[in-house]
Amino acid sequence: MNQESNYFTSISNAITTLFGENVQIERGFPVQGGDINKSYGISLSNGNVLFMKSNEKANVDFFVKEAHNLKAIAKTNTITTPKILGFGTEDGEEVGYSFLLLDFVELGNLDEKFWENFAEKLSKMHKAETSSYIKKEDREKNLIFGFYEDNYIGKTKQINTPKEKWIDFFRENRLMPQFEMAKNHFEKEDFKLIDKLLENLEDFLVEPESPSLLHGDLWAGNVMCDTKPQAMLIDPACYVGNPEADIAMTELFGGFSGKFYEAYKSTGLLQPNYVDRRDLYNLYHLLNHLNMFGKSYLSAVKSVIKKYVG
């Protein structure tokens, strides 16, 4: 292992360290996962079942940061996340790969209270103390929005340099990097609107009453229901920001149950006229999809820009 106690130099090293020398892998089986990583279940000789995500060896930092983000959410003691067992690299016979090991989560059936309970726990996470997620030297400068390290949104590097103001953070660390990566998709007239939008964000967004730890990539595919049944968050892209950004993301790709939104709104965390800001928050994710998956997302990006400054 390297300097991190959860970092292993091979799967066999991880299994031996975690479960003992007599425990072996009996079989692996594919599990449905996302577009970026491969996902597997691993059955062990002691009866345990693990969940493993893998990627190219060079992308091990994906999993290091994901583990850090899961720990950040778990630290709030508000909402469940999978137990982190380890991460690292495997030197295979040909290329090798990187991996993340988690407890395997058996899925349950949603009961009538699932969405209300999830909204309640998410609101508690959004109300949790956030200073520990910002480096001390930044807190002393009143830089309260951001995170102690950069991470990833999908496979894209997510910049979390702390800022004093939320709107500055969203402009400089969210929209501007994505627009820069997507610049070859735009024409001269588009850039005029983009500049206008960035220069006038204060006309559309608001500062939160207090900073919140965000999941950062909160769509339906990143919420699981375990057998209790209770909500479990996976695949986070954490940072400290405005909780409205998390809620906006939930509405981008189909949305959650209406009971979730009713329960969350009752907590008072959403400021007046949130709906007017929702699409602007989701512009970040649409731009990221444009940069990761191509021009099929371009019309949606342009539509949002024109909605605000067109």
C-alpha atoms as a PDB file:
ATOM      1  CA  MET A   1       0.000   0.000   0.000  1.00  0.00           C
ATOM      2  CA  ASN A   2       1.061   3.598  -0.465  1.00  0.00           C
ATOM      3  CA  GLN A   3       0.539   6.460   1.992  1.00  0.00           C
ATOM      4  CA  GLU A   4      -3.270   5.967   1.970  1.00  0.00           C
ATOM      5  CA  SER A   5      -4.426   3.075   4.134  1.00  0.00           C
ATOM      6  CA  ASN A   6      -7.099   2.116   1.574  1.00  0.00           C
ATOM      7  CA  TYR A   7      -4.653   2.013  -1.368  1.00  0.00           C
ATOM      8  CA  PHE A   8      -3.647  -1.435  -2.631  1.00  0.00           C
ATOM      9  CA  THR A   9      -1.210  -2.543  -5.300  1.00  0.00           C
ATOM     10  CA  SER A  10      -3.326  -5.485  -6.468  1.00  0.00           C
ATOM     11  CA  ILE A  11      -6.734  -7.105  -5.976  1.00  0.00           C
ATOM     12  CA  SER A  12      -5.155 -10.125  -4.286  1.00  0.00           C
ATOM     13  CA  ASN A  13      -3.289  -7.837  -1.895  1.00  0.00           C
ATOM     14  CA  ALA A  14      -6.554  -6.082  -1.074  1.00  0.00           C
ATOM     15  CA  ILE A  15      -8.454  -9.329  -0.442  1.00  0.00           C
ATOM     16  CA  THR A  16      -5.678 -10.761   1.745  1.00  0.00           C
ATOM     17  CA  THR A  17      -5.323  -7.575   3.799  1.00  0.00           C
ATOM     18  CA  LEU A  18      -9.053  -7.085   4.241  1.00  0.00           C
ATOM     19  CA  PHE A  19     -10.208 -10.674   4.796  1.00  0.00           C
ATOM     20  CA  GLY A  20      -7.176 -12.834   5.592  1.00  0.00           C
ATOM     21  CA  GLU A  21      -4.790 -15.114   3.732  1.00  0.00           C
ATOM     22  CA  ASN A  22      -7.250 -18.002   3.460  1.00  0.00           C
ATOM     23  CA  VAL A  23      -9.921 -15.975   1.616  1.00  0.00           C
ATOM     24  CA  GLN A  24      -9.927 -16.204  -2.167  1.00  0.00           C
ATOM     25  CA  ILE A  25     -12.001 -14.910  -5.064  1.00  0.00           C
ATOM     26  CA  GLU A  26     -14.428 -17.603  -6.216  1.00  0.00           C
ATOM     27  CA  ARG A  27     -15.989 -15.822  -9.157  1.00  0.00           C
ATOM     28  CA  GLY A  28     -16.635 -12.449 -10.714  1.00  0.00           C
ATOM     29  CA  PHE A  29     -19.773 -11.393 -12.545  1.00  0.00           C
ATOM     30  CA  PRO A  30     -20.683  -8.271 -14.547  1.00  0.00           C
ATOM     31  CA  VAL A  31     -22.973  -5.680 -12.971  1.00  0.00           C
ATOM     32  CA  GLN A  32     -24.828  -2.963 -14.812  1.00  0.00           C
ATOM     33  CA  GLY A  33     -22.975   0.314 -14.320  1.00  0.00           C
ATOM     34  CA  GLY A  34     -22.308   3.694 -15.902  1.00  0.00           C
ATOM     35  CA  ASP A  35     -20.703   4.749 -19.161  1.00  0.00           C
ATOM     36  CA  ILE A  36     -17.237   5.499 -17.796  1.00  0.00           C
ATOM     37  CA  ASN A  37     -16.231   2.513 -15.647  1.00  0.00           C
ATOM     38  CA  LYS A  38     -16.729  -1.241 -15.828  1.00  0.00           C
ATOM     39  CA  SER A  39     -18.595  -2.774 -12.880  1.00  0.00           C
ATOM     40  CA  TYR A  40     -18.398  -6.258 -11.376  1.00  0.00           C
ATOM     41  CA  GLY A  41     -19.557  -8.293  -8.437  1.00  0.00           C
ATOM     42  CA  ILE A  42     -16.919 -10.455  -6.727  1.00  0.00           C
ATOM     43  CA  SER A  43     -17.875 -13.514  -4.662  1.00  0.00           C
ATOM     44  CA  LEU A  44     -15.342 -14.556  -2.017  1.00  0.00           C
ATOM     45  CA  SER A  45     -14.739 -17.960  -0.465  1.00  0.00           C
ATOM     46  CA  ASN A  46     -15.859 -16.650   2.951  1.00  0.00           C
ATOM     47  CA  GLY A  47     -19.308 -15.775   1.596  1.00  0.00           C
ATOM     48  CA  ASN A  48     -18.734 -12.042   1.221  1.00  0.00           C
ATOM     49  CA  VAL A  49     -19.717 -10.300  -1.989  1.00  0.00           C
ATOM     50  CA  LEU A  50     -17.888  -7.157  -3.103  1.00  0.00           C
ATOM     51  CA  PHE A  51     -18.597  -4.532  -5.734  1.00  0.00           C
ATOM     52  CA  MET A  52     -15.707  -3.490  -7.965  1.00  0.00           C
ATOM     53  CA  LYS A  53     -15.404  -0.632 -10.450  1.00  0.00           C
ATOM     54  CA  SER A  54     -12.477  -0.627 -12.844  1.00  0.00           C
ATOM     55  CA  ASN A  55     -10.906   1.674 -15.406  1.00  0.00           C
ATOM     56  CA  GLU A  56      -7.583   2.147 -17.125  1.00  0.00           C
ATOM     57  CA  LYS A  57      -4.621   1.993 -14.769  1.00  0.00           C
ATOM     58  CA  ALA A  58      -3.780   5.639 -15.466  1.00  0.00           C
ATOM     59  CA  ASN A  59      -7.223   6.666 -14.182  1.00  0.00           C
ATOM     60  CA  VAL A  60      -6.770   5.445 -10.621  1.00  0.00           C
ATOM     61  CA  ASP A  61      -7.266   9.028  -9.429  1.00  0.00           C
ATOM     62  CA  PHE A  62     -10.947   8.666 -10.429  1.00  0.00           C
ATOM     63  CA  PHE A  63     -11.331   6.131  -7.650  1.00  0.00           C
ATOM     64  CA  VAL A  64      -9.135   7.881  -5.104  1.00  0.00           C
ATOM     65  CA  LYS A  65     -11.314  10.977  -5.411  1.00  0.00           C
ATOM     66  CA  GLU A  66     -14.544   8.980  -5.435  1.00  0.00           C
ATOM     67  CA  ALA A  67     -13.536   7.336  -2.162  1.00  0.00           C
ATOM     68  CA  HIS A  68     -12.731  10.751  -0.675  1.00  0.00           C
ATOM     69  CA  ASN A  69     -16.142  12.039  -1.767  1.00  0.00           C
ATOM     70  CA  LEU A  70     -17.995   9.065  -0.289  1.00  0.00           C
ATOM     71  CA  LYS A  71     -16.146   9.662   2.986  1.00  0.00           C
ATOM     72  CA  ALA A  72     -17.131  13.342   2.876  1.00  0.00           C
ATOM     73  CA  ILE A  73     -20.820  12.436   2.653  1.00  0.00           C
ATOM     74  CA  ALA A  74     -20.518   9.736   5.311  1.00  0.00           C
ATOM     75  CA  LYS A  75     -18.876  12.267   7.623  1.00  0.00           C
ATOM     76  CA  THR A  76     -22.139  14.254   7.800  1.00  0.00           C
ATOM     77  CA  ASN A  77     -23.866  11.249   9.480  1.00  0.00           C
ATOM     78  CA  THR A  78     -27.020  12.020   7.539  1.00  0.00           C
ATOM     79  CA  ILE A  79     -27.359   9.697   4.554  1.00  0.00           C
ATOM     80  CA  THR A  80     -25.993   6.263   3.728  1.00  0.00           C
ATOM     81  CA  THR A  81     -23.126   5.550   1.323  1.00  0.00           C
ATOM     82  CA  PRO A  82     -21.499   2.215   0.404  1.00  0.00           C
ATOM     83  CA  LYS A  83     -18.661   1.113   2.661  1.00  0.00           C
ATOM     84  CA  ILE A  84     -15.272   1.783   1.075  1.00  0.00           C
ATOM     85  CA  LEU A  85     -13.001  -1.244   1.183  1.00  0.00           C
ATOM     86  CA  GLY A  86     -10.112  -0.099  -0.940  1.00  0.00           C
ATOM     87  CA  PHE A  87      -8.808   1.233  -4.238  1.00  0.00           C
ATOM     88  CA  GLY A  88      -5.630   0.975  -6.233  1.00  0.00           C
ATOM     89  CA  THR A  89      -4.069  -0.606  -9.309  1.00  0.00           C
ATOM     90  CA  GLU A  90      -3.564  -4.082 -10.689  1.00  0.00           C
ATOM     91  CA  ASP A  91      -0.573  -4.907 -12.902  1.00  0.00           C
ATOM     92  CA  GLY A  92      -2.199  -7.308 -15.313  1.00  0.00           C
ATOM     93  CA  GLU A  93      -0.443  -9.502 -17.845  1.00  0.00           C
ATOM     94  CA  GLU A  94      -1.071  -6.961 -20.603  1.00  0.00           C
ATOM     95  CA  VAL A  95      -2.082  -3.446 -19.561  1.00  0.00           C
ATOM     96  CA  GLY A  96      -3.322  -3.527 -15.969  1.00  0.00           C
ATOM     97  CA  TYR A  97      -6.192  -1.492 -14.527  1.00  0.00           C
ATOM     98  CA  SER A  98      -7.319   0.640 -11.618  1.00  0.00           C
ATOM     99  CA  PHE A  99     -10.090  -0.401  -9.243  1.00  0.00           C
ATOM    100  CA  LEU A 100     -12.390   0.642  -6.418  1.00  0.00           C
ATOM    101  CA  LEU A 101     -13.777  -1.956  -3.990  1.00  0.00           C
ATOM    102  CA  LEU A 102     -17.018  -1.353  -2.090  1.00  0.00           C
ATOM    103  CA  ASP A 103     -19.484  -3.456  -0.171  1.00  0.00           C
ATOM    104  CA  PHE A 104     -22.010  -5.031  -2.521  1.00  0.00           C
ATOM    105  CA  VAL A 105     -25.422  -3.454  -1.934  1.00  0.00           C
ATOM    106  CA  GLU A 106     -28.525  -5.578  -2.321  1.00  0.00           C
ATOM    107  CA  LEU A 107     -31.317  -3.498  -3.807  1.00  0.00           C
ATOM    108  CA  GLY A 108     -34.669  -3.205  -2.053  1.00  0.00           C
ATOM    109  CA  ASN A 109     -38.162  -2.125  -3.010  1.00  0.00           C
ATOM    110  CA  LEU A 110     -39.219   1.477  -2.490  1.00  0.00           C
ATOM    111  CA  ASP A 111     -41.943   1.872   0.112  1.00  0.00           C
ATOM    112  CA  GLU A 112     -44.394   4.771   0.375  1.00  0.00           C
ATOM    113  CA  LYS A 113     -42.079   6.826   2.574  1.00  0.00           C
ATOM    114  CA  PHE A 114     -38.846   6.328   0.616  1.00  0.00           C
ATOM    115  CA  TRP A 115     -38.838   9.649  -1.218  1.00  0.00           C
ATOM    116  CA  GLU A 116     -39.899  11.689   1.819  1.00  0.00           C
ATOM    117  CA  ASN A 117     -37.196  10.025   3.927  1.00  0.00           C
ATOM    118  CA  PHE A 118     -34.616  10.612   1.232  1.00  0.00           C
ATOM    119  CA  ALA A 119     -35.550  14.296   0.988  1.00  0.00           C
ATOM    120  CA  GLU A 120     -35.314  14.654   4.765  1.00  0.00           C
ATOM    121  CA  LYS A 121     -31.858  13.050   4.905  1.00  0.00           C
ATOM    122  CA  LEU A 122     -30.602  15.022   1.917  1.00  0.00           C
ATOM    123  CA  SER A 123     -31.763  18.263   3.517  1.00  0.00           C
ATOM    124  CA  LYS A 124     -29.881  17.303   6.694  1.00  0.00           C
ATOM    125  CA  MET A 125     -26.764  16.707   4.610  1.00  0.00           C
ATOM    126  CA  HIS A 126     -27.260  20.125   3.022  1.00  0.00           C
ATOM    127  CA  LYS A 127     -27.554  21.665   6.496  1.00  0.00           C
ATOM    128  CA  ALA A 128     -24.457  19.922   7.865  1.00  0.00           C
ATOM    129  CA  GLU A 129     -21.299  21.787   8.873  1.00  0.00           C
ATOM    130  CA  THR A 130     -19.008  22.442   5.888  1.00  0.00           C
ATOM    131  CA  SER A 131     -15.834  24.087   7.219  1.00  0.00           C
ATOM    132  CA  SER A 132     -13.998  20.757   7.416  1.00  0.00           C
ATOM    133  CA  TYR A 133     -14.238  20.391   3.632  1.00  0.00           C
ATOM    134  CA  ILE A 134     -12.238  23.574   3.056  1.00  0.00           C
ATOM    135  CA  LYS A 135      -8.542  23.851   3.920  1.00  0.00           C
ATOM    136  CA  LYS A 136      -7.786  25.893   7.030  1.00  0.00           C
ATOM    137  CA  GLU A 137      -5.740  28.497   5.150  1.00  0.00           C
ATOM    138  CA  ASP A 138      -8.675  29.075   2.790  1.00  0.00           C
ATOM    139  CA  ARG A 139     -11.223  29.287   5.607  1.00  0.00           C
ATOM    140  CA  GLU A 140      -9.097  31.946   7.251  1.00  0.00           C
ATOM    141  CA  LYS A 141      -9.488  33.996   4.054  1.00  0.00           C
ATOM    142  CA  ASN A 142     -13.283  33.484   4.186  1.00  0.00           C
ATOM    143  CA  LEU A 143     -13.169  31.229   1.129  1.00  0.00           C
ATOM    144  CA  ILE A 144     -16.120  28.995   1.934  1.00  0.00           C
ATOM    145  CA  PHE A 145     -17.313  27.592  -1.415  1.00  0.00           C
ATOM    146  CA  GLY A 146     -15.306  24.793  -2.999  1.00  0.00           C
ATOM    147  CA  PHE A 147     -13.532  21.704  -1.671  1.00  0.00           C
ATOM    148  CA  TYR A 148     -10.159  20.737  -0.272  1.00  0.00           C
ATOM    149  CA  GLU A 149      -9.214  19.117  -3.600  1.00  0.00           C
ATOM    150  CA  ASP A 150     -10.330  18.929  -7.211  1.00  0.00           C
ATOM    151  CA  ASN A 151     -12.283  15.857  -8.282  1.00  0.00           C
ATOM    152  CA  TYR A 152     -14.278  14.632 -11.283  1.00  0.00           C
ATOM    153  CA  ILE A 153     -17.701  15.128 -12.804  1.00  0.00           C
ATOM    154  CA  GLY A 154     -17.986  11.980 -14.880  1.00  0.00           C
ATOM    155  CA  LYS A 155     -14.525  11.713 -16.441  1.00  0.00           C
ATOM    156  CA  THR A 156     -14.025  15.487 -16.554  1.00  0.00           C
ATOM    157  CA  LYS A 157     -11.758  17.216 -14.032  1.00  0.00           C
ATOM    158  CA  GLN A 158     -13.901  19.333 -11.698  1.00  0.00           C
ATOM    159  CA  ILE A 159     -12.196  22.455 -10.378  1.00  0.00           C
ATOM    160  CA  ASN A 160     -12.951  23.183  -6.713  1.00  0.00           C
ATOM    161  CA  THR A 161     -10.656  26.127  -5.956  1.00  0.00           C
ATOM    162  CA  PRO A 162     -12.362  27.856  -2.981  1.00  0.00           C
ATOM    163  CA  LYS A 163     -14.084  31.209  -3.458  1.00  0.00           C
ATOM    164  CA  GLU A 164     -15.700  33.686  -1.090  1.00  0.00           C
ATOM    165  CA  LYS A 165     -18.873  34.045  -3.185  1.00  0.00           C
ATOM    166  CA  TRP A 166     -20.993  31.244  -4.579  1.00  0.00           C
ATOM    167  CA  ILE A 167     -21.716  33.053  -7.846  1.00  0.00           C
ATOM    168  CA  ASP A 168     -17.997  33.616  -8.442  1.00  0.00           C
ATOM    169  CA  PHE A 169     -17.382  29.934  -7.754  1.00  0.00           C
ATOM    170  CA  PHE A 170     -20.067  28.853 -10.205  1.00  0.00           C
ATOM    171  CA  ARG A 171     -18.809  31.239 -12.876  1.00  0.00           C
ATOM    172  CA  GLU A 172     -15.077  30.532 -12.572  1.00  0.00           C
ATOM    173  CA  ASN A 173     -15.017  26.874 -11.536  1.00  0.00           C
ATOM    174  CA  ARG A 174     -18.094  25.485 -13.235  1.00  0.00           C
ATOM    175  CA  LEU A 175     -19.179  27.350 -16.357  1.00  0.00           C
ATOM    176  CA  MET A 176     -15.930  28.886 -17.575  1.00  0.00           C
ATOM    177  CA  PRO A 177     -13.867  25.649 -17.706  1.00  0.00           C
ATOM    178  CA  GLN A 178     -16.688  23.839 -19.509  1.00  0.00           C
ATOM    179  CA  PHE A 179     -17.160  26.643 -22.034  1.00  0.00           C
ATOM    180  CA  GLU A 180     -13.412  26.617 -22.676  1.00  0.00           C
ATOM    181  CA  MET A 181     -13.446  22.865 -23.370  1.00  0.00           C
ATOM    182  CA  ALA A 182     -16.482  23.250 -25.636  1.00  0.00           C
ATOM    183  CA  LYS A 183     -15.236  26.292 -27.575  1.00  0.00           C
ATOM    184  CA  ASN A 184     -14.932  24.423 -30.889  1.00  0.00           C
ATOM    185  CA  HIS A 185     -18.697  23.813 -30.827  1.00  0.00           C
ATOM    186  CA  PHE A 186     -19.565  27.518 -30.831  1.00  0.00           C
ATOM    187  CA  GLU A 187     -19.624  30.275 -33.415  1.00  0.00           C
ATOM    188  CA  LYS A 188     -18.873  33.997 -33.136  1.00  0.00           C
ATOM    189  CA  GLU A 189     -22.435  34.964 -32.201  1.00  0.00           C
ATOM    190  CA  ASP A 190     -22.550  32.248 -29.563  1.00  0.00           C
ATOM    191  CA  PHE A 191     -19.468  33.655 -27.835  1.00  0.00           C
ATOM    192  CA  LYS A 192     -21.144  37.060 -27.521  1.00  0.00           C
ATOM    193  CA  LEU A 193     -24.039  35.463 -25.643  1.00  0.00           C
ATOM    194  CA  ILE A 194     -21.699  33.332 -23.534  1.00  0.00           C
ATOM    195  CA  ASP A 195     -19.697  36.396 -22.481  1.00  0.00           C
ATOM    196  CA  LYS A 196     -22.920  38.230 -21.668  1.00  0.00           C
ATOM    197  CA  LEU A 197     -24.134  35.338 -19.537  1.00  0.00           C
ATOM    198  CA  LEU A 198     -20.884  35.029 -17.594  1.00  0.00           C
ATOM    199  CA  GLU A 199     -20.647  38.765 -16.999  1.00  0.00           C
ATOM    200  CA  ASN A 200     -24.204  38.971 -15.679  1.00  0.00           C
ATOM    201  CA  LEU A 201     -24.604  35.852 -13.533  1.00  0.00           C
ATOM    202  CA  GLU A 202     -25.487  38.031 -10.551  1.00  0.00           C
ATOM    203  CA  ASP A 203     -28.699  38.953 -12.384  1.00  0.00           C
ATOM    204  CA  PHE A 204     -29.836  35.330 -12.367  1.00  0.00           C
ATOM    205  CA  LEU A 205     -28.280  33.474  -9.416  1.00  0.00           C
ATOM    206  CA  VAL A 206     -28.427  34.148  -5.679  1.00  0.00           C
ATOM    207  CA  GLU A 207     -26.035  33.545  -2.815  1.00  0.00           C
ATOM    208  CA  PRO A 208     -27.231  30.783  -0.451  1.00  0.00           C
ATOM    209  CA  GLU A 209     -28.101  31.630   3.126  1.00  0.00           C
ATOM    210  CA  SER A 210     -25.334  29.230   4.160  1.00  0.00           C
ATOM    211  CA  PRO A 211     -22.977  26.858   2.304  1.00  0.00           C
ATOM    212  CA  SER A 212     -23.891  23.184   1.881  1.00  0.00           C
ATOM    213  CA  LEU A 213     -22.014  20.000   1.090  1.00  0.00           C
ATOM    214  CA  LEU A 214     -23.342  18.872  -2.298  1.00  0.00           C
ATOM    215  CA  HIS A 215     -23.371  15.438  -3.875  1.00  0.00           C
ATOM    216  CA  GLY A 216     -22.544  17.207  -7.126  1.00  0.00           C
ATOM    217  CA  ASP A 217     -23.955  14.674  -9.616  1.00  0.00           C
ATOM    218  CA  LEU A 218     -27.362  13.961  -8.137  1.00  0.00           C
ATOM    219  CA  TRP A 219     -29.440  12.245 -10.803  1.00  0.00           C
ATOM    220  CA  ALA A 220     -31.576   9.112 -10.415  1.00  0.00           C
ATOM    221  CA  GLY A 221     -28.759   6.757 -11.417  1.00  0.00           C
ATOM    222  CA  ASN A 222     -26.718   7.869  -8.412  1.00  0.00           C
ATOM    223  CA  VAL A 223     -29.418   7.133  -5.823  1.00  0.00           C
ATOM    224  CA  MET A 224     -29.970   3.529  -4.710  1.00  0.00           C
ATOM    225  CA  CYS A 225     -32.548   1.917  -2.464  1.00  0.00           C
ATOM    226  CA  ASP A 226     -31.173  -0.734  -0.128  1.00  0.00           C
ATOM    227  CA  THR A 227     -33.173  -3.502   1.551  1.00  0.00           C
ATOM    228  CA  LYS A 228     -34.163  -1.454   4.641  1.00  0.00           C
ATOM    229  CA  PRO A 229     -35.364   0.391   2.417  1.00  0.00           C
ATOM    230  CA  GLN A 230     -33.436   3.641   2.601  1.00  0.00           C
ATOM    231  CA  ALA A 231     -31.665   5.895   0.122  1.00  0.00           C
ATOM    232  CA  MET A 232     -27.978   5.402  -0.541  1.00  0.00           C
ATOM    233  CA  LEU A 233     -25.856   7.876  -2.490  1.00  0.00           C
ATOM    234  CA  ILE A 234     -23.199   6.677  -4.939  1.00  0.00           C
ATOM    235  CA  ASP A 235     -20.793   8.239  -7.482  1.00  0.00           C
ATOM    236  CA  PRO A 236     -20.518  11.678  -5.848  1.00  0.00           C
ATOM    237  CA  ALA A 237     -18.662  14.721  -7.189  1.00  0.00           C
ATOM    238  CA  CYS A 238     -18.679  16.648  -3.926  1.00  0.00           C
ATOM    239  CA  TYR A 239     -18.053  20.298  -3.188  1.00  0.00           C
ATOM    240  CA  VAL A 240     -19.449  23.021  -0.943  1.00  0.00           C
ATOM    241  CA  GLY A 241     -21.991  25.198  -2.724  1.00  0.00           C
ATOM    242  CA  ASN A 242     -25.630  26.191  -3.035  1.00  0.00           C
ATOM    243  CA  PRO A 243     -28.011  23.258  -2.378  1.00  0.00           C
ATOM    244  CA  GLU A 244     -30.158  24.453  -5.278  1.00  0.00           C
ATOM    245  CA  ALA A 245     -27.501  23.068  -7.638  1.00  0.00           C
ATOM    246  CA  ASP A 246     -28.100  19.540  -6.315  1.00  0.00           C
ATOM    247  CA  ILE A 247     -31.877  19.836  -6.583  1.00  0.00           C
ATOM    248  CA  ALA A 248     -31.624  21.254 -10.096  1.00  0.00           C
ATOM    249  CA  MET A 249     -29.561  18.250 -11.171  1.00  0.00           C
ATOM    250  CA  THR A 250     -32.275  15.879  -9.912  1.00  0.00           C
ATOM    251  CA  GLU A 251     -34.659  17.447 -12.420  1.00  0.00           C
ATOM    252  CA  LEU A 252     -32.383  17.282 -15.469  1.00  0.00           C
ATOM    253  CA  PHE A 253     -32.839  13.675 -16.559  1.00  0.00           C
ATOM    254  CA  GLY A 254     -36.415  12.726 -15.744  1.00  0.00           C
ATOM    255  CA  GLY A 255     -36.657  13.858 -12.143  1.00  0.00           C
ATOM    256  CA  PHE A 256     -37.603  12.158  -8.883  1.00  0.00           C
ATOM    257  CA  SER A 257     -40.992  11.469  -7.366  1.00  0.00           C
ATOM    258  CA  GLY A 258     -43.159  14.508  -6.651  1.00  0.00           C
ATOM    259  CA  LYS A 259     -43.133  13.426  -2.999  1.00  0.00           C
ATOM    260  CA  PHE A 260     -39.389  14.072  -2.899  1.00  0.00           C
ATOM    261  CA  TYR A 261     -39.775  17.665  -4.084  1.00  0.00           C
ATOM    262  CA  GLU A 262     -42.699  18.360  -1.766  1.00  0.00           C
ATOM    263  CA  ALA A 263     -40.710  17.086   1.210  1.00  0.00           C
ATOM    264  CA  TYR A 264     -37.513  18.911   0.279  1.00  0.00           C
ATOM    265  CA  LYS A 265     -39.275  22.224  -0.349  1.00  0.00           C
ATOM    266  CA  SER A 266     -40.827  21.997   3.112  1.00  0.00           C
ATOM    267  CA  THR A 267     -37.324  22.247   4.630  1.00  0.00           C
ATOM    268  CA  GLY A 268     -36.976  25.868   3.481  1.00  0.00           C
ATOM    269  CA  LEU A 269     -33.597  25.335   1.801  1.00  0.00           C
ATOM    270  CA  LEU A 270     -34.829  26.409  -1.624  1.00  0.00           C
ATOM    271  CA  GLN A 271     -34.899  30.181  -1.919  1.00  0.00           C
ATOM    272  CA  PRO A 272     -37.767  32.038  -3.665  1.00  0.00           C
ATOM    273  CA  ASN A 273     -37.922  31.629  -7.450  1.00  0.00           C
ATOM    274  CA  TYR A 274     -35.609  28.619  -7.505  1.00  0.00           C
ATOM    275  CA  VAL A 275     -37.279  27.420 -10.713  1.00  0.00           C
ATOM    276  CA  ASP A 276     -35.992  30.515 -12.504  1.00  0.00           C
ATOM    277  CA  ARG A 277     -32.412  29.431 -11.710  1.00  0.00           C
ATOM    278  CA  ARG A 278     -32.742  25.699 -12.275  1.00  0.00           C
ATOM    279  CA  ASP A 279     -31.793  25.591 -15.954  1.00  0.00           C
ATOM    280  CA  LEU A 280     -28.764  27.790 -15.395  1.00  0.00           C
ATOM    281  CA  TYR A 281     -27.423  25.370 -12.789  1.00  0.00           C
ATOM    282  CA  ASN A 282     -28.026  22.489 -15.184  1.00  0.00           C
ATOM    283  CA  LEU A 283     -26.138  24.279 -17.951  1.00  0.00           C
ATOM    284  CA  TYR A 284     -22.997  23.037 -16.215  1.00  0.00           C
ATOM    285  CA  HIS A 285     -24.059  19.413 -16.616  1.00  0.00           C
ATOM    286  CA  LEU A 286     -25.292  19.899 -20.177  1.00  0.00           C
ATOM    287  CA  LEU A 287     -21.927  21.421 -21.087  1.00  0.00           C
ATOM    288  CA  ASN A 288     -20.154  18.505 -19.443  1.00  0.00           C
ATOM    289  CA  HIS A 289     -22.232  16.048 -21.466  1.00  0.00           C
ATOM    290  CA  LEU A 290     -21.453  18.049 -24.593  1.00  0.00           C
ATOM    291  CA  ASN A 291     -17.756  17.751 -23.807  1.00  0.00           C
ATOM    292  CA  MET A 292     -17.912  14.058 -22.935  1.00  0.00           C
ATOM    293  CA  PHE A 293     -20.434  12.708 -25.455  1.00  0.00           C
ATOM    294  CA  GLY A 294     -20.570  15.175 -28.333  1.00  0.00           C
ATOM    295  CA  LYS A 295     -22.774  17.608 -30.196  1.00  0.00           C
ATOM    296  CA  SER A 296     -26.100  15.897 -29.508  1.00  0.00           C
ATOM    297  CA  TYR A 297     -26.176  18.110 -26.402  1.00  0.00           C
ATOM    298  CA  LEU A 298     -25.322  21.338 -28.241  1.00  0.00           C
ATOM    299  CA  SER A 299     -28.900  22.422 -28.966  1.00  0.00           C
ATOM    300  CA  ALA A 300     -29.844  22.012 -25.298  1.00  0.00           C
ATOM    301  CA  VAL A 301     -26.816  24.086 -24.246  1.00  0.00           C
ATOM    302  CA  LYS A 302     -27.661  26.867 -26.700  1.00  0.00           C
ATOM    303  CA  SER A 303     -31.301  26.817 -25.633  1.00  0.00           C
ATOM    304  CA  VAL A 304     -30.365  27.479 -22.003  1.00  0.00           C
ATOM    305  CA  ILE A 305     -27.968  30.280 -22.933  1.00  0.00           C
ATOM    306  CA  LYS A 306     -30.643  31.976 -25.064  1.00  0.00           C
ATOM    307  CA  LYS A 307     -33.211  31.566 -22.306  1.00  0.00           C
ATOM    308  CA  TYR A 308     -31.173  33.850 -20.062  1.00  0.00           C
ATOM    309  CA  VAL A 309     -29.414  36.255 -22.428  1.00  0.00           C
ATOM    310  CA  GLY A 310     -30.742  35.585 -25.919  1.00  0.00           C
END
